[in-house]
Amino acid sequence: MLSIHISRYVALHRSLGRKFAEQERLLRLYAAFAEVVGDRYTKVERIYDWCHTSTSQYVAQTRFNTVRNFSLFAQAEDLQHEVPPAGVFGRGKRPRPTPTIIEAHQVQAILTAALNLPPRGTISPFTYHYLFGLLAATGLRISEALALQCTDLVEDGLIIRNGKFGKQRLIAVQPSTRQALEAYLATRARLGATGNDLFVTIRGRAPHKVRAHVVFVRLARQLGYRGPTGTAGMRLHDLRHTFAVRSLESCSPDREAVAHHMAGLSVYLGHASVANTYWYLEATPVLLRDIAVSSEHLFLGEAA
C-alpha cells in the first residue's frame, strides 16, 4: 500500500519537471522498512525509528523531511496516515562545503594518474581520464557529463540533455576539448568499447556518479591533495567550482562587463538563477579583493 502511494507521489513530482530520484530512493527505503512490520499507512513512530538508523544528523534530517512531505500528501487523501511535527530532526540546512580551487598542475596530475587505473588495457582508465578532463574544461555537473551520448558531440558543441529540472542546453567547447573528445572516441573504437553513452566502462555503460566521485577522491589522496578518510578536502565537484572561479577571475573588473559575463556564465553552467552564479564571487582572494576595491571606490564616490 505504501509503495503504491509513493509511486503516485513520485509521478506527480516528475510531471512537474522534477527528477526526484534521490527522494524516490529514500521513500522506497522507508517503505521497505515500514512494510516489514505490516504498516499500510505512515506511522510517526515508524518514521522516527527509520530516521534513527541514519549514519549522521544530516542524513536523519533529510530522511525525516522527505518522508514528512510524503505523509502530508498521503494524509490529504486518507486521514489514517500520520504526519509527524516539523523540525524534529532539526531545521537548519547543511552548510555548503568550502570549495577547493584546484591548480592546473593538480588537474594534470590527476588526469595522468587516471590513466594508470585498473584494469589496464581497457577503456575504463581512459574514460576517467577524459571524463575528469571534460569536467575541468567545461564546468559540467558530473550527472550531465555521464548522461552524454555519443551523438551529443555536434558541430556547435555539446548538447546537455540532463540539466537540472530537465532543462537542455547547448554549450560551446574549445577546439582542444573537441580534439580530446575525438581522441577518446578513437580510443573507444580501437579497444572495441560499445554502448551509446559517451563515457563507458568495460560493461558498455557510463559509470555511476558515486563511482566517479570515489575514483576522483582516491586519486586525490594518492597524490597527496587530500587527507585520509574522514577528512574534508578536494572533491570532484571542485572541478566545476574551479572552472567558474577562473572564468570570473579572467573577466574585466568593469562592472558592466562583469554583469554580462556573469549572465553568460550562468547560462553556460545551467544555473536556475544568476544568483547561484554570484556565489562564486566569494570563492578566492582575487575575487574578494576586486569586490573590496570596487566597494571602496563606491564608498568614496568614485566610479567603480
C-alpha atoms as a PDB file:
ATOM      1  CA  MET A   1       0.000   0.000   0.000  1.00  0.00           C
ATOM      2  CA  LEU A   2       2.745   2.485   0.930  1.00  0.00           C
ATOM      3  CA  SER A   3       4.668   1.631  -2.246  1.00  0.00           C
ATOM      4  CA  ILE A   4       1.611   2.384  -4.377  1.00  0.00           C
ATOM      5  CA  HIS A   5       1.151   5.799  -2.734  1.00  0.00           C
ATOM      6  CA  ILE A   6       4.847   6.528  -3.178  1.00  0.00           C
ATOM      7  CA  SER A   7       4.649   5.702  -6.893  1.00  0.00           C
ATOM      8  CA  ARG A   8       1.790   8.178  -7.321  1.00  0.00           C
ATOM      9  CA  TYR A   9       3.624  10.816  -5.277  1.00  0.00           C
ATOM     10  CA  VAL A  10       6.805  10.421  -7.338  1.00  0.00           C
ATOM     11  CA  ALA A  11       4.852  10.517 -10.608  1.00  0.00           C
ATOM     12  CA  LEU A  12       3.194  13.784  -9.525  1.00  0.00           C
ATOM     13  CA  HIS A  13       6.535  15.472  -8.880  1.00  0.00           C
ATOM     14  CA  ARG A  14       8.037  14.220 -12.130  1.00  0.00           C
ATOM     15  CA  SER A  15       5.035  15.536 -14.052  1.00  0.00           C
ATOM     16  CA  LEU A  16       6.093  18.949 -12.728  1.00  0.00           C
ATOM     17  CA  GLY A  17       9.541  18.555 -14.298  1.00  0.00           C
ATOM     18  CA  ARG A  18      11.486  17.367 -11.248  1.00  0.00           C
ATOM     19  CA  LYS A  19      13.888  14.409 -11.407  1.00  0.00           C
ATOM     20  CA  PHE A  20      13.015  13.364  -7.848  1.00  0.00           C
ATOM     21  CA  ALA A  21      15.481  10.458  -7.978  1.00  0.00           C
ATOM     22  CA  GLU A  22      17.015  10.846  -4.511  1.00  0.00           C
ATOM     23  CA  GLN A  23      13.626  11.458  -2.914  1.00  0.00           C
ATOM     24  CA  GLU A  24      12.232   8.327  -4.531  1.00  0.00           C
ATOM     25  CA  ARG A  25      15.222   6.288  -3.332  1.00  0.00           C
ATOM     26  CA  LEU A  26      14.689   7.421   0.259  1.00  0.00           C
ATOM     27  CA  LEU A  27      10.944   6.824   0.135  1.00  0.00           C
ATOM     28  CA  ARG A  28      11.445   3.302  -1.213  1.00  0.00           C
ATOM     29  CA  LEU A  29      13.840   2.584   1.658  1.00  0.00           C
ATOM     30  CA  TYR A  30      11.288   3.892   4.136  1.00  0.00           C
ATOM     31  CA  ALA A  31       8.503   1.798   2.575  1.00  0.00           C
ATOM     32  CA  ALA A  32      10.643  -1.342   2.775  1.00  0.00           C
ATOM     33  CA  PHE A  33      11.387  -0.585   6.446  1.00  0.00           C
ATOM     34  CA  ALA A  34       7.728   0.075   7.312  1.00  0.00           C
ATOM     35  CA  GLU A  35       6.137  -2.703   5.299  1.00  0.00           C
ATOM     36  CA  VAL A  36       8.288  -5.335   7.016  1.00  0.00           C
ATOM     37  CA  VAL A  37       6.212  -4.750  10.165  1.00  0.00           C
ATOM     38  CA  GLY A  38       2.971  -4.556   8.208  1.00  0.00           C
ATOM     39  CA  ASP A  39       2.419  -0.770   8.017  1.00  0.00           C
ATOM     40  CA  ARG A  40      -0.116   0.221   5.369  1.00  0.00           C
ATOM     41  CA  TYR A  41      -0.116   3.881   6.398  1.00  0.00           C
ATOM     42  CA  THR A  42       2.571   6.291   7.541  1.00  0.00           C
ATOM     43  CA  LYS A  43       3.191   5.993  11.282  1.00  0.00           C
ATOM     44  CA  VAL A  44       5.001   8.670  13.293  1.00  0.00           C
ATOM     45  CA  GLU A  45       6.738   6.104  15.460  1.00  0.00           C
ATOM     46  CA  ARG A  46       7.967   4.168  12.421  1.00  0.00           C
ATOM     47  CA  ILE A  47       9.270   7.332  10.769  1.00  0.00           C
ATOM     48  CA  TYR A  48      11.248   8.137  13.917  1.00  0.00           C
ATOM     49  CA  ASP A  49      12.634   4.584  14.100  1.00  0.00           C
ATOM     50  CA  TRP A  50      13.744   4.700  10.478  1.00  0.00           C
ATOM     51  CA  CYS A  51      15.405   8.110  10.817  1.00  0.00           C
ATOM     52  CA  HIS A  52      17.268   6.926  13.932  1.00  0.00           C
ATOM     53  CA  THR A  53      19.046   4.308  11.791  1.00  0.00           C
ATOM     54  CA  SER A  54      20.780   7.116   9.856  1.00  0.00           C
ATOM     55  CA  THR A  55      24.552   7.445   9.842  1.00  0.00           C
ATOM     56  CA  SER A  56      24.531  11.181  10.649  1.00  0.00           C
ATOM     57  CA  GLN A  57      22.311  14.025  11.839  1.00  0.00           C
ATOM     58  CA  TYR A  58      22.174  15.460   8.326  1.00  0.00           C
ATOM     59  CA  VAL A  59      21.066  12.136   6.809  1.00  0.00           C
ATOM     60  CA  ALA A  60      18.409  11.757   9.514  1.00  0.00           C
ATOM     61  CA  GLN A  61      17.126  15.263   8.822  1.00  0.00           C
ATOM     62  CA  THR A  62      16.981  14.620   5.077  1.00  0.00           C
ATOM     63  CA  ARG A  63      15.142  11.342   5.588  1.00  0.00           C
ATOM     64  CA  PHE A  64      12.686  12.925   8.004  1.00  0.00           C
ATOM     65  CA  ASN A  65      11.863  15.898   5.776  1.00  0.00           C
ATOM     66  CA  THR A  66      11.411  13.648   2.726  1.00  0.00           C
ATOM     67  CA  VAL A  67       9.033  11.243   4.476  1.00  0.00           C
ATOM     68  CA  ARG A  68       7.152  14.021   6.258  1.00  0.00           C
ATOM     69  CA  ASN A  69       6.413  15.731   2.937  1.00  0.00           C
ATOM     70  CA  PHE A  70       5.151  12.428   1.580  1.00  0.00           C
ATOM     71  CA  SER A  71       2.986  11.847   4.666  1.00  0.00           C
ATOM     72  CA  LEU A  72       1.331  15.257   4.167  1.00  0.00           C
ATOM     73  CA  PHE A  73       0.465  14.238   0.621  1.00  0.00           C
ATOM     74  CA  ALA A  74      -0.896  10.862   1.773  1.00  0.00           C
ATOM     75  CA  GLN A  75      -2.919  12.289   4.673  1.00  0.00           C
ATOM     76  CA  ALA A  76      -4.644  14.757   2.353  1.00  0.00           C
ATOM     77  CA  GLU A  77      -6.349  11.730   0.792  1.00  0.00           C
ATOM     78  CA  ASP A  78      -6.643   9.458   3.822  1.00  0.00           C
ATOM     79  CA  LEU A  79      -6.595  10.628   7.430  1.00  0.00           C
ATOM     80  CA  GLN A  80      -5.281   7.255   8.589  1.00  0.00           C
ATOM     81  CA  HIS A  81      -1.811   8.420   7.521  1.00  0.00           C
ATOM     82  CA  GLU A  82       0.026  10.100  10.392  1.00  0.00           C
ATOM     83  CA  VAL A  83       2.152  13.230   9.958  1.00  0.00           C
ATOM     84  CA  PRO A  84       4.993  13.961  12.420  1.00  0.00           C
ATOM     85  CA  PRO A  85       5.548  17.541  13.617  1.00  0.00           C
ATOM     86  CA  ALA A  86       8.040  19.610  11.654  1.00  0.00           C
ATOM     87  CA  GLY A  87      11.628  20.097  12.752  1.00  0.00           C
ATOM     88  CA  VAL A  88      12.009  17.006  14.939  1.00  0.00           C
ATOM     89  CA  PHE A  89      15.437  16.246  13.447  1.00  0.00           C
ATOM     90  CA  GLY A  90      16.462  19.888  13.009  1.00  0.00           C
ATOM     91  CA  ARG A  91      15.533  22.742  10.739  1.00  0.00           C
ATOM     92  CA  GLY A  92      18.848  24.098   9.538  1.00  0.00           C
ATOM     93  CA  LYS A  93      20.317  23.411   6.124  1.00  0.00           C
ATOM     94  CA  ARG A  94      23.595  21.612   5.715  1.00  0.00           C
ATOM     95  CA  PRO A  95      26.374  24.209   5.381  1.00  0.00           C
ATOM     96  CA  ARG A  96      27.704  24.486   1.862  1.00  0.00           C
ATOM     97  CA  PRO A  97      31.155  22.840   1.689  1.00  0.00           C
ATOM     98  CA  THR A  98      34.033  25.240   1.214  1.00  0.00           C
ATOM     99  CA  PRO A  99      35.275  24.724  -2.348  1.00  0.00           C
ATOM    100  CA  THR A 100      38.851  23.797  -3.132  1.00  0.00           C
ATOM    101  CA  ILE A 101      40.255  25.706  -6.080  1.00  0.00           C
ATOM    102  CA  ILE A 102      42.309  23.155  -7.986  1.00  0.00           C
ATOM    103  CA  GLU A 103      45.522  24.327  -9.609  1.00  0.00           C
ATOM    104  CA  ALA A 104      46.259  23.481 -13.249  1.00  0.00           C
ATOM    105  CA  HIS A 105      49.187  21.231 -12.357  1.00  0.00           C
ATOM    106  CA  GLN A 106      46.987  19.320  -9.913  1.00  0.00           C
ATOM    107  CA  VAL A 107      44.358  18.708 -12.584  1.00  0.00           C
ATOM    108  CA  GLN A 108      47.058  17.444 -14.932  1.00  0.00           C
ATOM    109  CA  ALA A 109      48.457  15.121 -12.252  1.00  0.00           C
ATOM    110  CA  ILE A 110      45.006  13.654 -11.592  1.00  0.00           C
ATOM    111  CA  LEU A 111      44.388  13.086 -15.308  1.00  0.00           C
ATOM    112  CA  THR A 112      47.762  11.367 -15.660  1.00  0.00           C
ATOM    113  CA  ALA A 113      47.135   9.172 -12.611  1.00  0.00           C
ATOM    114  CA  ALA A 114      43.737   8.152 -14.014  1.00  0.00           C
ATOM    115  CA  LEU A 115      45.444   6.508 -16.973  1.00  0.00           C
ATOM    116  CA  ASN A 116      47.083   4.073 -14.547  1.00  0.00           C
ATOM    117  CA  LEU A 117      43.808   2.901 -13.039  1.00  0.00           C
ATOM    118  CA  PRO A 118      42.949  -0.816 -13.287  1.00  0.00           C
ATOM    119  CA  PRO A 119      42.074  -2.745 -15.323  1.00  0.00           C
ATOM    120  CA  ARG A 120      44.923  -1.667 -17.584  1.00  0.00           C
ATOM    121  CA  GLY A 121      44.475  -2.113 -21.316  1.00  0.00           C
ATOM    122  CA  THR A 122      40.712  -1.477 -21.123  1.00  0.00           C
ATOM    123  CA  ILE A 123      38.572   1.581 -21.791  1.00  0.00           C
ATOM    124  CA  SER A 124      37.974   2.383 -18.097  1.00  0.00           C
ATOM    125  CA  PRO A 125      41.244   4.273 -17.360  1.00  0.00           C
ATOM    126  CA  PHE A 126      40.754   6.370 -20.498  1.00  0.00           C
ATOM    127  CA  THR A 127      37.147   7.033 -19.519  1.00  0.00           C
ATOM    128  CA  TYR A 128      38.083   8.579 -16.174  1.00  0.00           C
ATOM    129  CA  HIS A 129      40.982  10.474 -17.745  1.00  0.00           C
ATOM    130  CA  TYR A 130      38.788  12.139 -20.362  1.00  0.00           C
ATOM    131  CA  LEU A 131      35.744  12.462 -18.071  1.00  0.00           C
ATOM    132  CA  PHE A 132      37.682  14.421 -15.447  1.00  0.00           C
ATOM    133  CA  GLY A 133      39.314  16.447 -18.209  1.00  0.00           C
ATOM    134  CA  LEU A 134      35.915  17.410 -19.642  1.00  0.00           C
ATOM    135  CA  LEU A 135      34.649  18.480 -16.207  1.00  0.00           C
ATOM    136  CA  ALA A 136      37.718  20.676 -15.733  1.00  0.00           C
ATOM    137  CA  ALA A 137      37.430  22.213 -19.200  1.00  0.00           C
ATOM    138  CA  THR A 138      33.681  22.909 -19.182  1.00  0.00           C
ATOM    139  CA  GLY A 139      32.462  23.031 -15.578  1.00  0.00           C
ATOM    140  CA  LEU A 140      29.751  20.455 -16.285  1.00  0.00           C
ATOM    141  CA  ARG A 141      27.994  18.686 -13.427  1.00  0.00           C
ATOM    142  CA  ILE A 142      29.057  15.040 -13.162  1.00  0.00           C
ATOM    143  CA  SER A 143      25.467  13.927 -13.798  1.00  0.00           C
ATOM    144  CA  GLU A 144      25.388  15.969 -17.005  1.00  0.00           C
ATOM    145  CA  ALA A 145      28.672  14.530 -18.256  1.00  0.00           C
ATOM    146  CA  LEU A 146      27.668  10.924 -17.527  1.00  0.00           C
ATOM    147  CA  ALA A 147      24.341  11.415 -19.312  1.00  0.00           C
ATOM    148  CA  LEU A 148      26.077  12.454 -22.557  1.00  0.00           C
ATOM    149  CA  GLN A 149      25.518  10.234 -25.568  1.00  0.00           C
ATOM    150  CA  CYS A 150      27.981   9.773 -28.433  1.00  0.00           C
ATOM    151  CA  THR A 151      25.629  11.742 -30.686  1.00  0.00           C
ATOM    152  CA  ASP A 152      25.650  14.732 -28.315  1.00  0.00           C
ATOM    153  CA  LEU A 153      29.013  15.912 -29.630  1.00  0.00           C
ATOM    154  CA  VAL A 154      27.833  18.050 -32.539  1.00  0.00           C
ATOM    155  CA  GLU A 155      29.387  20.678 -34.783  1.00  0.00           C
ATOM    156  CA  ASP A 156      28.335  23.553 -32.498  1.00  0.00           C
ATOM    157  CA  GLY A 157      29.431  21.937 -29.226  1.00  0.00           C
ATOM    158  CA  LEU A 158      27.909  19.566 -26.684  1.00  0.00           C
ATOM    159  CA  ILE A 159      24.180  19.020 -26.199  1.00  0.00           C
ATOM    160  CA  ILE A 160      23.437  18.772 -22.480  1.00  0.00           C
ATOM    161  CA  ARG A 161      20.212  16.801 -22.068  1.00  0.00           C
ATOM    162  CA  ASN A 162      20.310  16.069 -18.349  1.00  0.00           C
ATOM    163  CA  GLY A 163      20.444  19.509 -16.765  1.00  0.00           C
ATOM    164  CA  LYS A 164      18.664  20.463 -13.561  1.00  0.00           C
ATOM    165  CA  PHE A 165      14.859  20.499 -13.758  1.00  0.00           C
ATOM    166  CA  GLY A 166      15.053  18.685 -17.088  1.00  0.00           C
ATOM    167  CA  LYS A 167      16.467  21.703 -18.925  1.00  0.00           C
ATOM    168  CA  GLN A 168      18.554  21.170 -22.039  1.00  0.00           C
ATOM    169  CA  ARG A 169      21.238  23.459 -23.354  1.00  0.00           C
ATOM    170  CA  LEU A 170      23.990  23.617 -25.964  1.00  0.00           C
ATOM    171  CA  ILE A 171      27.453  24.592 -24.749  1.00  0.00           C
ATOM    172  CA  ALA A 172      30.380  25.632 -26.881  1.00  0.00           C
ATOM    173  CA  VAL A 173      33.673  23.798 -26.352  1.00  0.00           C
ATOM    174  CA  GLN A 174      37.230  24.847 -27.051  1.00  0.00           C
ATOM    175  CA  PRO A 175      38.983  23.239 -30.062  1.00  0.00           C
ATOM    176  CA  SER A 176      41.346  21.458 -27.650  1.00  0.00           C
ATOM    177  CA  THR A 177      38.376  19.983 -25.773  1.00  0.00           C
ATOM    178  CA  ARG A 178      36.819  18.765 -29.010  1.00  0.00           C
ATOM    179  CA  GLN A 179      40.117  17.200 -30.056  1.00  0.00           C
ATOM    180  CA  ALA A 180      40.336  15.406 -26.705  1.00  0.00           C
ATOM    181  CA  LEU A 181      36.801  14.012 -27.043  1.00  0.00           C
ATOM    182  CA  GLU A 182      37.509  12.867 -30.580  1.00  0.00           C
ATOM    183  CA  ALA A 183      40.695  11.171 -29.342  1.00  0.00           C
ATOM    184  CA  TYR A 184      38.632   9.395 -26.685  1.00  0.00           C
ATOM    185  CA  LEU A 185      36.120   8.228 -29.283  1.00  0.00           C
ATOM    186  CA  ALA A 186      39.002   6.893 -31.376  1.00  0.00           C
ATOM    187  CA  THR A 187      40.348   5.050 -28.318  1.00  0.00           C
ATOM    188  CA  ARG A 188      36.903   3.578 -27.713  1.00  0.00           C
ATOM    189  CA  ALA A 189      36.792   2.264 -31.252  1.00  0.00           C
ATOM    190  CA  ARG A 190      40.320   0.865 -31.023  1.00  0.00           C
ATOM    191  CA  LEU A 191      39.547  -1.012 -27.816  1.00  0.00           C
ATOM    192  CA  GLY A 192      36.178  -2.234 -29.076  1.00  0.00           C
ATOM    193  CA  ALA A 193      34.190  -0.457 -26.356  1.00  0.00           C
ATOM    194  CA  THR A 194      30.471  -0.428 -27.084  1.00  0.00           C
ATOM    195  CA  GLY A 195      27.424   1.466 -25.814  1.00  0.00           C
ATOM    196  CA  ASN A 196      25.527   4.643 -26.654  1.00  0.00           C
ATOM    197  CA  ASP A 197      26.807   6.554 -23.620  1.00  0.00           C
ATOM    198  CA  LEU A 198      29.728   8.810 -24.443  1.00  0.00           C
ATOM    199  CA  PHE A 199      31.735   7.718 -21.397  1.00  0.00           C
ATOM    200  CA  VAL A 200      31.659   3.968 -20.823  1.00  0.00           C
ATOM    201  CA  THR A 201      33.347   1.325 -18.708  1.00  0.00           C
ATOM    202  CA  ILE A 202      34.088  -2.257 -19.747  1.00  0.00           C
ATOM    203  CA  ARG A 203      30.378  -3.015 -19.254  1.00  0.00           C
ATOM    204  CA  GLY A 204      29.423  -0.671 -22.080  1.00  0.00           C
ATOM    205  CA  ARG A 205      27.630   1.829 -19.824  1.00  0.00           C
ATOM    206  CA  ALA A 206      28.566   5.077 -18.149  1.00  0.00           C
ATOM    207  CA  PRO A 207      29.966   4.662 -14.636  1.00  0.00           C
ATOM    208  CA  HIS A 208      27.667   5.615 -11.761  1.00  0.00           C
ATOM    209  CA  LYS A 209      28.293   9.131 -10.457  1.00  0.00           C
ATOM    210  CA  VAL A 210      29.106   7.764  -6.995  1.00  0.00           C
ATOM    211  CA  ARG A 211      31.823   5.622  -8.553  1.00  0.00           C
ATOM    212  CA  ALA A 212      33.224   8.674 -10.356  1.00  0.00           C
ATOM    213  CA  HIS A 213      33.348  10.579  -7.052  1.00  0.00           C
ATOM    214  CA  VAL A 214      35.112   7.672  -5.323  1.00  0.00           C
ATOM    215  CA  VAL A 215      37.715   7.319  -8.070  1.00  0.00           C
ATOM    216  CA  PHE A 216      38.472  11.054  -8.030  1.00  0.00           C
ATOM    217  CA  VAL A 217      38.904  11.166  -4.239  1.00  0.00           C
ATOM    218  CA  ARG A 218      41.155   8.101  -4.302  1.00  0.00           C
ATOM    219  CA  LEU A 219      43.384   9.715  -6.925  1.00  0.00           C
ATOM    220  CA  ALA A 220      43.462  12.979  -4.943  1.00  0.00           C
ATOM    221  CA  ARG A 221      44.552  11.079  -1.824  1.00  0.00           C
ATOM    222  CA  GLN A 222      47.101   9.068  -3.768  1.00  0.00           C
ATOM    223  CA  LEU A 223      48.672  12.302  -4.988  1.00  0.00           C
ATOM    224  CA  GLY A 224      48.604  13.934  -1.540  1.00  0.00           C
ATOM    225  CA  TYR A 225      45.941  16.510  -2.446  1.00  0.00           C
ATOM    226  CA  ARG A 226      43.503  15.236   0.174  1.00  0.00           C
ATOM    227  CA  GLY A 227      43.866  13.827   3.687  1.00  0.00           C
ATOM    228  CA  PRO A 228      42.856  10.367   4.930  1.00  0.00           C
ATOM    229  CA  THR A 229      39.309   9.020   5.081  1.00  0.00           C
ATOM    230  CA  GLY A 230      37.078  11.155   7.270  1.00  0.00           C
ATOM    231  CA  THR A 231      38.783  14.451   6.457  1.00  0.00           C
ATOM    232  CA  ALA A 232      37.453  17.138   4.142  1.00  0.00           C
ATOM    233  CA  GLY A 233      39.289  18.157   1.017  1.00  0.00           C
ATOM    234  CA  MET A 234      39.354  18.214  -2.746  1.00  0.00           C
ATOM    235  CA  ARG A 235      36.151  16.827  -4.336  1.00  0.00           C
ATOM    236  CA  LEU A 236      35.068  16.027  -7.869  1.00  0.00           C
ATOM    237  CA  HIS A 237      32.599  18.942  -7.805  1.00  0.00           C
ATOM    238  CA  ASP A 238      35.533  21.283  -7.190  1.00  0.00           C
ATOM    239  CA  LEU A 239      36.411  20.956 -10.873  1.00  0.00           C
ATOM    240  CA  ARG A 240      33.161  22.835 -11.584  1.00  0.00           C
ATOM    241  CA  HIS A 241      33.919  25.406  -8.869  1.00  0.00           C
ATOM    242  CA  THR A 242      37.391  25.944 -10.262  1.00  0.00           C
ATOM    243  CA  PHE A 243      36.110  26.439 -13.811  1.00  0.00           C
ATOM    244  CA  ALA A 244      33.603  29.078 -12.651  1.00  0.00           C
ATOM    245  CA  VAL A 245      36.089  30.936 -10.460  1.00  0.00           C
ATOM    246  CA  ARG A 246      38.847  31.034 -13.077  1.00  0.00           C
ATOM    247  CA  SER A 247      36.317  32.282 -15.601  1.00  0.00           C
ATOM    248  CA  LEU A 248      35.336  35.165 -13.318  1.00  0.00           C
ATOM    249  CA  GLU A 249      38.948  35.970 -12.449  1.00  0.00           C
ATOM    250  CA  SER A 250      39.700  36.436 -16.154  1.00  0.00           C
ATOM    251  CA  CYS A 251      36.880  38.962 -16.575  1.00  0.00           C
ATOM    252  CA  SER A 252      37.466  42.709 -16.831  1.00  0.00           C
ATOM    253  CA  PRO A 253      36.883  44.493 -13.470  1.00  0.00           C
ATOM    254  CA  ASP A 254      34.427  46.860 -15.186  1.00  0.00           C
ATOM    255  CA  ARG A 255      31.003  46.421 -13.517  1.00  0.00           C
ATOM    256  CA  GLU A 256      29.081  46.252 -16.793  1.00  0.00           C
ATOM    257  CA  ALA A 257      31.491  43.671 -18.189  1.00  0.00           C
ATOM    258  CA  VAL A 258      31.149  41.593 -15.015  1.00  0.00           C
ATOM    259  CA  ALA A 259      27.343  41.707 -15.251  1.00  0.00           C
ATOM    260  CA  HIS A 260      27.391  40.495 -18.876  1.00  0.00           C
ATOM    261  CA  HIS A 261      29.984  37.851 -18.089  1.00  0.00           C
ATOM    262  CA  MET A 262      28.005  36.658 -15.075  1.00  0.00           C
ATOM    263  CA  ALA A 263      24.823  36.295 -17.129  1.00  0.00           C
ATOM    264  CA  GLY A 264      26.638  34.297 -19.810  1.00  0.00           C
ATOM    265  CA  LEU A 265      28.385  32.089 -17.260  1.00  0.00           C
ATOM    266  CA  SER A 266      25.073  31.396 -15.511  1.00  0.00           C
ATOM    267  CA  VAL A 267      23.545  30.093 -18.741  1.00  0.00           C
ATOM    268  CA  TYR A 268      26.668  28.104 -19.605  1.00  0.00           C
ATOM    269  CA  LEU A 269      26.718  26.392 -16.197  1.00  0.00           C
ATOM    270  CA  GLY A 270      22.991  25.690 -16.347  1.00  0.00           C
ATOM    271  CA  HIS A 271      22.104  27.592 -13.185  1.00  0.00           C
ATOM    272  CA  ALA A 272      18.399  28.075 -12.475  1.00  0.00           C
ATOM    273  CA  SER A 273      19.131  31.616 -11.285  1.00  0.00           C
ATOM    274  CA  VAL A 274      22.004  34.023 -11.816  1.00  0.00           C
ATOM    275  CA  ALA A 275      22.067  34.423  -8.014  1.00  0.00           C
ATOM    276  CA  ASN A 276      23.630  30.957  -7.845  1.00  0.00           C
ATOM    277  CA  THR A 277      26.470  32.179 -10.059  1.00  0.00           C
ATOM    278  CA  TYR A 278      27.175  35.277  -7.948  1.00  0.00           C
ATOM    279  CA  TRP A 279      28.092  32.925  -5.081  1.00  0.00           C
ATOM    280  CA  TYR A 280      31.379  32.191  -6.880  1.00  0.00           C
ATOM    281  CA  LEU A 281      32.497  35.801  -6.375  1.00  0.00           C
ATOM    282  CA  GLU A 282      33.315  34.859  -2.769  1.00  0.00           C
ATOM    283  CA  ALA A 283      35.463  31.891  -3.719  1.00  0.00           C
ATOM    284  CA  THR A 284      39.012  33.266  -3.969  1.00  0.00           C
ATOM    285  CA  PRO A 285      41.115  36.123  -2.528  1.00  0.00           C
ATOM    286  CA  VAL A 286      41.465  37.547  -6.055  1.00  0.00           C
ATOM    287  CA  LEU A 287      37.715  37.978  -6.461  1.00  0.00           C
ATOM    288  CA  LEU A 288      37.218  39.199  -2.897  1.00  0.00           C
ATOM    289  CA  ARG A 289      39.974  41.771  -3.389  1.00  0.00           C
ATOM    290  CA  ASP A 290      38.265  43.039  -6.561  1.00  0.00           C
ATOM    291  CA  ILE A 291      34.979  43.336  -4.647  1.00  0.00           C
ATOM    292  CA  ALA A 292      36.687  45.204  -1.807  1.00  0.00           C
ATOM    293  CA  VAL A 293      38.372  47.675  -4.170  1.00  0.00           C
ATOM    294  CA  SER A 294      35.133  48.334  -6.065  1.00  0.00           C
ATOM    295  CA  SER A 295      33.226  48.788  -2.807  1.00  0.00           C
ATOM    296  CA  GLU A 296      35.816  51.281  -1.553  1.00  0.00           C
ATOM    297  CA  HIS A 297      35.554  53.266  -4.771  1.00  0.00           C
ATOM    298  CA  LEU A 298      31.786  53.408  -4.444  1.00  0.00           C
ATOM    299  CA  PHE A 299      32.050  54.487  -0.805  1.00  0.00           C
ATOM    300  CA  LEU A 300      34.414  57.294  -1.763  1.00  0.00           C
ATOM    301  CA  GLY A 301      32.092  58.384  -4.564  1.00  0.00           C
ATOM    302  CA  GLU A 302      34.398  57.244  -7.355  1.00  0.00           C
ATOM    303  CA  ALA A 303      33.446  55.296 -10.475  1.00  0.00           C
ATOM    304  CA  ALA A 304      33.876  51.602  -9.711  1.00  0.00           C
END
